[in-house]
ModelCIF file with pLDDT and N, C-alpha, C, O atoms, coordinates in Angstrom:
data_MODEL
#
_entry.id   MODEL 
#
_entity.id                         1 
_entity.type                       polymer 
_entity.pdbx_number_of_molecules   1 
#
_entity_poly.entity_id                      1 
_entity_poly.type                           'polypeptide(L)' 
_entity_poly.nstd_linkage                   no 
_entity_poly.nstd_monomer                   no 
_entity_poly.pdbx_seq_one_letter_code       CLINIDEFENYQKQYTDYEIVGDTHLVGIPEKEVDLANHIY 
_entity_poly.pdbx_seq_one_letter_code_can   CLINIDEFENYQKQYTDYEIVGDTHLVGIPEKEVDLANHIY 
_entity_poly.pdbx_strand_id                 A 
#
loop_
_entity_poly_seq.entity_id 
_entity_poly_seq.num 
_entity_poly_seq.mon_id 
_entity_poly_seq.hetero 
1 1  CYS n 
1 2  LEU n 
1 3  ILE n 
1 4  ASN n 
1 5  ILE n 
1 6  ASP n 
1 7  GLU n 
1 8  PHE n 
1 9  GLU n 
1 10 ASN n 
1 11 TYR n 
1 12 GLN n 
1 13 LYS n 
1 14 GLN n 
1 15 TYR n 
1 16 THR n 
1 17 ASP n 
1 18 TYR n 
1 19 GLU n 
1 20 ILE n 
1 21 VAL n 
1 22 GLY n 
1 23 ASP n 
1 24 THR n 
1 25 HIS n 
1 26 LEU n 
1 27 VAL n 
1 28 GLY n 
1 29 ILE n 
1 30 PRO n 
1 31 GLU n 
1 32 LYS n 
1 33 GLU n 
1 34 VAL n 
1 35 ASP n 
1 36 LEU n 
1 37 ALA n 
1 38 ASN n 
1 39 HIS n 
1 40 ILE n 
1 41 TYR n 
#
_struct_asym.id          A 
_struct_asym.entity_id   1 
#
loop_
_ma_qa_metric.id 
_ma_qa_metric.mode 
_ma_qa_metric.name 
_ma_qa_metric.software_group_id 
_ma_qa_metric.type 
1 global pLDDT . pLDDT 
2 local  pLDDT . pLDDT 
#
_ma_qa_metric_global.metric_id      1 
_ma_qa_metric_global.metric_value   92.32 
_ma_qa_metric_global.model_id       1 
_ma_qa_metric_global.ordinal_id     1 
#
loop_
_ma_qa_metric_local.label_asym_id 
_ma_qa_metric_local.label_comp_id 
_ma_qa_metric_local.label_seq_id 
_ma_qa_metric_local.metric_id 
_ma_qa_metric_local.metric_value 
_ma_qa_metric_local.model_id 
_ma_qa_metric_local.ordinal_id 
A CYS 1  2 92.00 1 1  
A LEU 2  2 91.00 1 2  
A ILE 3  2 93.00 1 3  
A ASN 4  2 92.00 1 4  
A ILE 5  2 93.00 1 5  
A ASP 6  2 92.00 1 6  
A GLU 7  2 93.00 1 7  
A PHE 8  2 94.00 1 8  
A GLU 9  2 93.00 1 9  
A ASN 10 2 93.00 1 10 
A TYR 11 2 94.00 1 11 
A GLN 12 2 92.00 1 12 
A LYS 13 2 92.00 1 13 
A GLN 14 2 93.00 1 14 
A TYR 15 2 93.00 1 15 
A THR 16 2 92.00 1 16 
A ASP 17 2 93.00 1 17 
A TYR 18 2 95.00 1 18 
A GLU 19 2 94.00 1 19 
A ILE 20 2 95.00 1 20 
A VAL 21 2 94.00 1 21 
A GLY 22 2 92.00 1 22 
A ASP 23 2 92.00 1 23 
A THR 24 2 92.00 1 24 
A HIS 25 2 92.00 1 25 
A LEU 26 2 92.00 1 26 
A VAL 27 2 92.00 1 27 
A GLY 28 2 92.00 1 28 
A ILE 29 2 92.00 1 29 
A PRO 30 2 92.00 1 30 
A GLU 31 2 89.00 1 31 
A LYS 32 2 89.00 1 32 
A GLU 33 2 88.00 1 33 
A VAL 34 2 90.00 1 34 
A ASP 35 2 92.00 1 35 
A LEU 36 2 93.00 1 36 
A ALA 37 2 91.00 1 37 
A ASN 38 2 93.00 1 38 
A HIS 39 2 94.00 1 39 
A ILE 40 2 92.00 1 40 
A TYR 41 2 93.00 1 41 
#
loop_
_atom_site.group_PDB 
_atom_site.id 
_atom_site.type_symbol 
_atom_site.label_atom_id 
_atom_site.label_alt_id 
_atom_site.label_comp_id 
_atom_site.label_asym_id 
_atom_site.label_entity_id 
_atom_site.label_seq_id 
_atom_site.pdbx_PDB_ins_code 
_atom_site.Cartn_x 
_atom_site.Cartn_y 
_atom_site.Cartn_z 
_atom_site.occupancy 
_atom_site.B_iso_or_equiv 
_atom_site.pdbx_formal_charge 
_atom_site.auth_seq_id 
_atom_site.auth_comp_id 
_atom_site.auth_asym_id 
_atom_site.auth_atom_id 
_atom_site.pdbx_PDB_model_num 
ATOM 1   N N  . CYS A 1 1  ? 72.927 90.890 130.858 1.00 92.00 ? 1  CYS A N  1 
ATOM 2   C CA . CYS A 1 1  ? 71.635 91.212 130.191 1.00 92.00 ? 1  CYS A CA 1 
ATOM 3   C C  . CYS A 1 1  ? 70.801 90.000 130.760 1.00 92.00 ? 1  CYS A C  1 
ATOM 4   O O  . CYS A 1 1  ? 71.322 89.177 131.512 1.00 92.00 ? 1  CYS A O  1 
ATOM 5   N N  . LEU A 1 2  ? 69.604 89.934 130.403 1.00 91.00 ? 2  LEU A N  1 
ATOM 6   C CA . LEU A 1 2  ? 68.393 89.356 130.457 1.00 91.00 ? 2  LEU A CA 1 
ATOM 7   C C  . LEU A 1 2  ? 67.966 88.499 129.246 1.00 91.00 ? 2  LEU A C  1 
ATOM 8   O O  . LEU A 1 2  ? 67.568 88.995 128.192 1.00 91.00 ? 2  LEU A O  1 
ATOM 9   N N  . ILE A 1 3  ? 68.073 87.239 129.465 1.00 93.00 ? 3  ILE A N  1 
ATOM 10  C CA . ILE A 1 3  ? 67.660 86.399 128.210 1.00 93.00 ? 3  ILE A CA 1 
ATOM 11  C C  . ILE A 1 3  ? 66.423 85.142 128.332 1.00 93.00 ? 3  ILE A C  1 
ATOM 12  O O  . ILE A 1 3  ? 66.537 84.308 129.231 1.00 93.00 ? 3  ILE A O  1 
ATOM 13  N N  . ASN A 1 4  ? 65.633 85.101 127.680 1.00 92.00 ? 4  ASN A N  1 
ATOM 14  C CA . ASN A 1 4  ? 64.778 83.718 127.904 1.00 92.00 ? 4  ASN A CA 1 
ATOM 15  C C  . ASN A 1 4  ? 65.983 82.427 127.811 1.00 92.00 ? 4  ASN A C  1 
ATOM 16  O O  . ASN A 1 4  ? 67.002 82.541 127.130 1.00 92.00 ? 4  ASN A O  1 
ATOM 17  N N  . ILE A 1 5  ? 65.657 81.240 128.603 1.00 93.00 ? 5  ILE A N  1 
ATOM 18  C CA . ILE A 1 5  ? 66.627 80.183 128.386 1.00 93.00 ? 5  ILE A CA 1 
ATOM 19  C C  . ILE A 1 5  ? 66.625 79.667 127.299 1.00 93.00 ? 5  ILE A C  1 
ATOM 20  O O  . ILE A 1 5  ? 67.555 78.882 127.114 1.00 93.00 ? 5  ILE A O  1 
ATOM 21  N N  . ASP A 1 6  ? 65.796 79.828 126.334 1.00 92.00 ? 6  ASP A N  1 
ATOM 22  C CA . ASP A 1 6  ? 65.524 79.258 124.798 1.00 92.00 ? 6  ASP A CA 1 
ATOM 23  C C  . ASP A 1 6  ? 66.718 79.651 123.943 1.00 92.00 ? 6  ASP A C  1 
ATOM 24  O O  . ASP A 1 6  ? 67.231 78.910 123.104 1.00 92.00 ? 6  ASP A O  1 
ATOM 25  N N  . GLU A 1 7  ? 67.186 81.121 124.287 1.00 93.00 ? 7  GLU A N  1 
ATOM 26  C CA . GLU A 1 7  ? 68.273 81.931 123.689 1.00 93.00 ? 7  GLU A CA 1 
ATOM 27  C C  . GLU A 1 7  ? 69.780 81.264 124.261 1.00 93.00 ? 7  GLU A C  1 
ATOM 28  O O  . GLU A 1 7  ? 70.873 81.587 123.796 1.00 93.00 ? 7  GLU A O  1 
ATOM 29  N N  . PHE A 1 8  ? 69.635 80.562 125.042 1.00 94.00 ? 8  PHE A N  1 
ATOM 30  C CA . PHE A 1 8  ? 71.319 80.421 125.649 1.00 94.00 ? 8  PHE A CA 1 
ATOM 31  C C  . PHE A 1 8  ? 71.796 79.714 124.631 1.00 94.00 ? 8  PHE A C  1 
ATOM 32  O O  . PHE A 1 8  ? 72.896 80.127 124.262 1.00 94.00 ? 8  PHE A O  1 
ATOM 33  N N  . GLU A 1 9  ? 71.320 78.659 123.941 1.00 93.00 ? 9  GLU A N  1 
ATOM 34  C CA . GLU A 1 9  ? 72.021 77.971 123.497 1.00 93.00 ? 9  GLU A CA 1 
ATOM 35  C C  . GLU A 1 9  ? 72.772 78.776 122.307 1.00 93.00 ? 9  GLU A C  1 
ATOM 36  O O  . GLU A 1 9  ? 73.901 78.379 122.017 1.00 93.00 ? 9  GLU A O  1 
ATOM 37  N N  . ASN A 1 10 ? 72.192 79.958 121.540 1.00 93.00 ? 10 ASN A N  1 
ATOM 38  C CA . ASN A 1 10 ? 72.883 80.911 120.731 1.00 93.00 ? 10 ASN A CA 1 
ATOM 39  C C  . ASN A 1 10 ? 74.165 81.300 121.262 1.00 93.00 ? 10 ASN A C  1 
ATOM 40  O O  . ASN A 1 10 ? 75.171 81.385 120.558 1.00 93.00 ? 10 ASN A O  1 
ATOM 41  N N  . TYR A 1 11 ? 74.130 81.604 122.856 1.00 94.00 ? 11 TYR A N  1 
ATOM 42  C CA . TYR A 1 11 ? 75.456 82.155 123.379 1.00 94.00 ? 11 TYR A CA 1 
ATOM 43  C C  . TYR A 1 11 ? 76.507 81.164 122.939 1.00 94.00 ? 11 TYR A C  1 
ATOM 44  O O  . TYR A 1 11 ? 77.310 81.310 122.018 1.00 94.00 ? 11 TYR A O  1 
ATOM 45  N N  . GLN A 1 12 ? 76.322 79.799 124.013 1.00 92.00 ? 12 GLN A N  1 
ATOM 46  C CA . GLN A 1 12 ? 77.095 78.859 123.993 1.00 92.00 ? 12 GLN A CA 1 
ATOM 47  C C  . GLN A 1 12 ? 77.521 78.125 122.601 1.00 92.00 ? 12 GLN A C  1 
ATOM 48  O O  . GLN A 1 12 ? 78.481 77.357 122.539 1.00 92.00 ? 12 GLN A O  1 
ATOM 49  N N  . LYS A 1 13 ? 76.692 78.454 121.493 1.00 92.00 ? 13 LYS A N  1 
ATOM 50  C CA . LYS A 1 13 ? 77.394 77.985 120.337 1.00 92.00 ? 13 LYS A CA 1 
ATOM 51  C C  . LYS A 1 13 ? 78.273 79.139 119.590 1.00 92.00 ? 13 LYS A C  1 
ATOM 52  O O  . LYS A 1 13 ? 78.909 78.860 118.574 1.00 92.00 ? 13 LYS A O  1 
ATOM 53  N N  . GLN A 1 14 ? 78.272 80.498 120.170 1.00 93.00 ? 14 GLN A N  1 
ATOM 54  C CA . GLN A 1 14 ? 79.077 81.375 119.676 1.00 93.00 ? 14 GLN A CA 1 
ATOM 55  C C  . GLN A 1 14 ? 80.565 81.451 120.475 1.00 93.00 ? 14 GLN A C  1 
ATOM 56  O O  . GLN A 1 14 ? 81.620 81.855 119.987 1.00 93.00 ? 14 GLN A O  1 
ATOM 57  N N  . TYR A 1 15 ? 80.343 80.945 121.842 1.00 93.00 ? 15 TYR A N  1 
ATOM 58  C CA . TYR A 1 15 ? 81.507 81.134 122.920 1.00 93.00 ? 15 TYR A CA 1 
ATOM 59  C C  . TYR A 1 15 ? 81.753 79.607 122.874 1.00 93.00 ? 15 TYR A C  1 
ATOM 60  O O  . TYR A 1 15 ? 81.296 79.177 123.933 1.00 93.00 ? 15 TYR A O  1 
ATOM 61  N N  . THR A 1 16 ? 82.215 78.675 122.212 1.00 92.00 ? 16 THR A N  1 
ATOM 62  C CA . THR A 1 16 ? 82.079 77.384 122.471 1.00 92.00 ? 16 THR A CA 1 
ATOM 63  C C  . THR A 1 16 ? 83.640 76.900 123.516 1.00 92.00 ? 16 THR A C  1 
ATOM 64  O O  . THR A 1 16 ? 83.842 75.827 124.085 1.00 92.00 ? 16 THR A O  1 
ATOM 65  N N  . ASP A 1 17 ? 84.347 77.875 123.477 1.00 93.00 ? 17 ASP A N  1 
ATOM 66  C CA . ASP A 1 17 ? 85.475 77.542 124.494 1.00 93.00 ? 17 ASP A CA 1 
ATOM 67  C C  . ASP A 1 17 ? 85.458 78.423 125.794 1.00 93.00 ? 17 ASP A C  1 
ATOM 68  O O  . ASP A 1 17 ? 86.474 78.500 126.485 1.00 93.00 ? 17 ASP A O  1 
ATOM 69  N N  . TYR A 1 18 ? 84.571 78.933 126.050 1.00 95.00 ? 18 TYR A N  1 
ATOM 70  C CA . TYR A 1 18 ? 83.946 79.411 127.123 1.00 95.00 ? 18 TYR A CA 1 
ATOM 71  C C  . TYR A 1 18 ? 83.360 78.228 128.495 1.00 95.00 ? 18 TYR A C  1 
ATOM 72  O O  . TYR A 1 18 ? 82.495 77.366 128.341 1.00 95.00 ? 18 TYR A O  1 
ATOM 73  N N  . GLU A 1 19 ? 84.026 78.481 129.621 1.00 94.00 ? 19 GLU A N  1 
ATOM 74  C CA . GLU A 1 19 ? 83.559 77.556 130.488 1.00 94.00 ? 19 GLU A CA 1 
ATOM 75  C C  . GLU A 1 19 ? 81.908 78.192 131.166 1.00 94.00 ? 19 GLU A C  1 
ATOM 76  O O  . GLU A 1 19 ? 81.874 79.396 131.417 1.00 94.00 ? 19 GLU A O  1 
ATOM 77  N N  . ILE A 1 20 ? 80.788 77.460 131.395 1.00 95.00 ? 20 ILE A N  1 
ATOM 78  C CA . ILE A 1 20 ? 79.773 77.845 131.806 1.00 95.00 ? 20 ILE A CA 1 
ATOM 79  C C  . ILE A 1 20 ? 79.748 77.862 133.292 1.00 95.00 ? 20 ILE A C  1 
ATOM 80  O O  . ILE A 1 20 ? 80.251 76.885 133.847 1.00 95.00 ? 20 ILE A O  1 
ATOM 81  N N  . VAL A 1 21 ? 79.251 78.800 134.024 1.00 94.00 ? 21 VAL A N  1 
ATOM 82  C CA . VAL A 1 21 ? 79.329 78.692 135.590 1.00 94.00 ? 21 VAL A CA 1 
ATOM 83  C C  . VAL A 1 21 ? 78.297 79.443 135.974 1.00 94.00 ? 21 VAL A C  1 
ATOM 84  O O  . VAL A 1 21 ? 77.668 80.105 135.147 1.00 94.00 ? 21 VAL A O  1 
ATOM 85  N N  . GLY A 1 22 ? 77.978 79.436 137.334 1.00 92.00 ? 22 GLY A N  1 
ATOM 86  C CA . GLY A 1 22 ? 76.589 79.886 137.976 1.00 92.00 ? 22 GLY A CA 1 
ATOM 87  C C  . GLY A 1 22 ? 75.681 78.654 138.103 1.00 92.00 ? 22 GLY A C  1 
ATOM 88  O O  . GLY A 1 22 ? 76.069 77.537 138.445 1.00 92.00 ? 22 GLY A O  1 
ATOM 89  N N  . ASP A 1 23 ? 74.102 79.084 137.706 1.00 92.00 ? 23 ASP A N  1 
ATOM 90  C CA . ASP A 1 23 ? 73.104 78.024 138.088 1.00 92.00 ? 23 ASP A CA 1 
ATOM 91  C C  . ASP A 1 23 ? 73.057 77.347 136.447 1.00 92.00 ? 23 ASP A C  1 
ATOM 92  O O  . ASP A 1 23 ? 72.279 77.703 135.561 1.00 92.00 ? 23 ASP A O  1 
ATOM 93  N N  . THR A 1 24 ? 73.750 76.651 136.379 1.00 92.00 ? 24 THR A N  1 
ATOM 94  C CA . THR A 1 24 ? 74.192 75.779 135.402 1.00 92.00 ? 24 THR A CA 1 
ATOM 95  C C  . THR A 1 24 ? 73.319 74.481 135.041 1.00 92.00 ? 24 THR A C  1 
ATOM 96  O O  . THR A 1 24 ? 73.417 73.751 134.055 1.00 92.00 ? 24 THR A O  1 
ATOM 97  N N  . HIS A 1 25 ? 72.292 74.397 136.308 1.00 92.00 ? 25 HIS A N  1 
ATOM 98  C CA . HIS A 1 25 ? 71.490 73.149 136.067 1.00 92.00 ? 25 HIS A CA 1 
ATOM 99  C C  . HIS A 1 25 ? 70.212 73.482 135.074 1.00 92.00 ? 25 HIS A C  1 
ATOM 100 O O  . HIS A 1 25 ? 69.560 72.651 134.442 1.00 92.00 ? 25 HIS A O  1 
ATOM 101 N N  . LEU A 1 26 ? 70.022 74.926 135.101 1.00 92.00 ? 26 LEU A N  1 
ATOM 102 C CA . LEU A 1 26 ? 69.096 75.487 134.451 1.00 92.00 ? 26 LEU A CA 1 
ATOM 103 C C  . LEU A 1 26 ? 69.174 75.189 133.048 1.00 92.00 ? 26 LEU A C  1 
ATOM 104 O O  . LEU A 1 26 ? 68.109 75.344 132.450 1.00 92.00 ? 26 LEU A O  1 
ATOM 105 N N  . VAL A 1 27 ? 70.389 74.709 132.203 1.00 92.00 ? 27 VAL A N  1 
ATOM 106 C CA . VAL A 1 27 ? 70.667 74.708 130.914 1.00 92.00 ? 27 VAL A CA 1 
ATOM 107 C C  . VAL A 1 27 ? 71.227 73.063 130.515 1.00 92.00 ? 27 VAL A C  1 
ATOM 108 O O  . VAL A 1 27 ? 71.608 72.514 129.481 1.00 92.00 ? 27 VAL A O  1 
ATOM 109 N N  . GLY A 1 28 ? 71.025 72.617 132.043 1.00 92.00 ? 28 GLY A N  1 
ATOM 110 C CA . GLY A 1 28 ? 71.252 70.682 131.942 1.00 92.00 ? 28 GLY A CA 1 
ATOM 111 C C  . GLY A 1 28 ? 72.636 70.460 132.289 1.00 92.00 ? 28 GLY A C  1 
ATOM 112 O O  . GLY A 1 28 ? 73.028 69.319 132.046 1.00 92.00 ? 28 GLY A O  1 
ATOM 113 N N  . ILE A 1 29 ? 73.466 71.242 132.788 1.00 92.00 ? 29 ILE A N  1 
ATOM 114 C CA . ILE A 1 29 ? 74.841 71.463 133.247 1.00 92.00 ? 29 ILE A CA 1 
ATOM 115 C C  . ILE A 1 29 ? 74.801 71.198 134.581 1.00 92.00 ? 29 ILE A C  1 
ATOM 116 O O  . ILE A 1 29 ? 73.969 71.779 135.278 1.00 92.00 ? 29 ILE A O  1 
ATOM 117 N N  . PRO A 1 30 ? 75.790 70.186 135.188 1.00 92.00 ? 30 PRO A N  1 
ATOM 118 C CA . PRO A 1 30 ? 76.050 70.061 136.809 1.00 92.00 ? 30 PRO A CA 1 
ATOM 119 C C  . PRO A 1 30 ? 76.789 71.233 137.181 1.00 92.00 ? 30 PRO A C  1 
ATOM 120 O O  . PRO A 1 30 ? 77.715 71.713 136.526 1.00 92.00 ? 30 PRO A O  1 
ATOM 121 N N  . GLU A 1 31 ? 76.222 71.779 138.536 1.00 89.00 ? 31 GLU A N  1 
ATOM 122 C CA . GLU A 1 31 ? 76.821 72.943 138.745 1.00 89.00 ? 31 GLU A CA 1 
ATOM 123 C C  . GLU A 1 31 ? 78.255 72.487 139.477 1.00 89.00 ? 31 GLU A C  1 
ATOM 124 O O  . GLU A 1 31 ? 78.546 71.355 139.864 1.00 89.00 ? 31 GLU A O  1 
ATOM 125 N N  . LYS A 1 32 ? 79.076 73.717 139.553 1.00 89.00 ? 32 LYS A N  1 
ATOM 126 C CA . LYS A 1 32 ? 80.105 73.656 140.095 1.00 89.00 ? 32 LYS A CA 1 
ATOM 127 C C  . LYS A 1 32 ? 80.478 74.585 141.260 1.00 89.00 ? 32 LYS A C  1 
ATOM 128 O O  . LYS A 1 32 ? 80.533 75.778 140.963 1.00 89.00 ? 32 LYS A O  1 
ATOM 129 N N  . GLU A 1 33 ? 80.780 74.205 142.714 1.00 88.00 ? 33 GLU A N  1 
ATOM 130 C CA . GLU A 1 33 ? 80.708 75.456 143.517 1.00 88.00 ? 33 GLU A CA 1 
ATOM 131 C C  . GLU A 1 33 ? 81.888 76.244 143.218 1.00 88.00 ? 33 GLU A C  1 
ATOM 132 O O  . GLU A 1 33 ? 82.811 75.585 142.739 1.00 88.00 ? 33 GLU A O  1 
ATOM 133 N N  . VAL A 1 34 ? 82.130 77.682 143.401 1.00 90.00 ? 34 VAL A N  1 
ATOM 134 C CA . VAL A 1 34 ? 83.162 78.485 142.996 1.00 90.00 ? 34 VAL A CA 1 
ATOM 135 C C  . VAL A 1 34 ? 83.299 79.027 144.336 1.00 90.00 ? 34 VAL A C  1 
ATOM 136 O O  . VAL A 1 34 ? 82.370 79.032 145.144 1.00 90.00 ? 34 VAL A O  1 
ATOM 137 N N  . ASP A 1 35 ? 84.628 79.549 144.604 1.00 92.00 ? 35 ASP A N  1 
ATOM 138 C CA . ASP A 1 35 ? 85.452 80.216 145.495 1.00 92.00 ? 35 ASP A CA 1 
ATOM 139 C C  . ASP A 1 35 ? 84.759 81.990 145.612 1.00 92.00 ? 35 ASP A C  1 
ATOM 140 O O  . ASP A 1 35 ? 85.364 83.048 145.439 1.00 92.00 ? 35 ASP A O  1 
ATOM 141 N N  . LEU A 1 36 ? 83.607 81.804 145.892 1.00 93.00 ? 36 LEU A N  1 
ATOM 142 C CA . LEU A 1 36 ? 83.183 83.502 145.141 1.00 93.00 ? 36 LEU A CA 1 
ATOM 143 C C  . LEU A 1 36 ? 83.919 84.273 146.264 1.00 93.00 ? 36 LEU A C  1 
ATOM 144 O O  . LEU A 1 36 ? 84.020 85.442 145.892 1.00 93.00 ? 36 LEU A O  1 
ATOM 145 N N  . ALA A 1 37 ? 84.353 84.136 147.217 1.00 91.00 ? 37 ALA A N  1 
ATOM 146 C CA . ALA A 1 37 ? 84.968 85.328 148.077 1.00 91.00 ? 37 ALA A CA 1 
ATOM 147 C C  . ALA A 1 37 ? 86.287 85.716 147.333 1.00 91.00 ? 37 ALA A C  1 
ATOM 148 O O  . ALA A 1 37 ? 86.653 86.864 147.081 1.00 91.00 ? 37 ALA A O  1 
ATOM 149 N N  . ASN A 1 38 ? 86.800 84.793 147.089 1.00 93.00 ? 38 ASN A N  1 
ATOM 150 C CA . ASN A 1 38 ? 88.360 84.851 146.271 1.00 93.00 ? 38 ASN A CA 1 
ATOM 151 C C  . ASN A 1 38 ? 88.108 85.870 144.881 1.00 93.00 ? 38 ASN A C  1 
ATOM 152 O O  . ASN A 1 38 ? 88.798 86.818 144.504 1.00 93.00 ? 38 ASN A O  1 
ATOM 153 N N  . HIS A 1 39 ? 86.883 85.308 144.293 1.00 94.00 ? 39 HIS A N  1 
ATOM 154 C CA . HIS A 1 39 ? 86.612 85.388 142.845 1.00 94.00 ? 39 HIS A CA 1 
ATOM 155 C C  . HIS A 1 39 ? 86.202 87.167 143.198 1.00 94.00 ? 39 HIS A C  1 
ATOM 156 O O  . HIS A 1 39 ? 86.363 87.871 142.201 1.00 94.00 ? 39 HIS A O  1 
ATOM 157 N N  . ILE A 1 40 ? 85.798 87.794 144.234 1.00 92.00 ? 40 ILE A N  1 
ATOM 158 C CA . ILE A 1 40 ? 85.075 89.079 144.615 1.00 92.00 ? 40 ILE A CA 1 
ATOM 159 C C  . ILE A 1 40 ? 86.204 89.972 144.813 1.00 92.00 ? 40 ILE A C  1 
ATOM 160 O O  . ILE A 1 40 ? 86.255 91.113 144.353 1.00 92.00 ? 40 ILE A O  1 
ATOM 161 N N  . TYR A 1 41 ? 87.158 89.385 145.550 1.00 93.00 ? 41 TYR A N  1 
ATOM 162 C CA . TYR A 1 41 ? 88.551 90.055 146.157 1.00 93.00 ? 41 TYR A CA 1 
ATOM 163 C C  . TYR A 1 41 ? 89.416 90.353 144.615 1.00 93.00 ? 41 TYR A C  1 
ATOM 164 O O  . TYR A 1 41 ? 90.537 90.863 144.625 1.00 93.00 ? 41 TYR A O  1 
#
């Protein structure tokens, strides 16, 4: 889905035990590169 950045905190509070991945710098979290090829396959 598409959300405003301000709405992200609501999802973060609801799914506290979920890791945040992707363009995490947008929500103040350092980014970690993932093995996309392996994930996709």
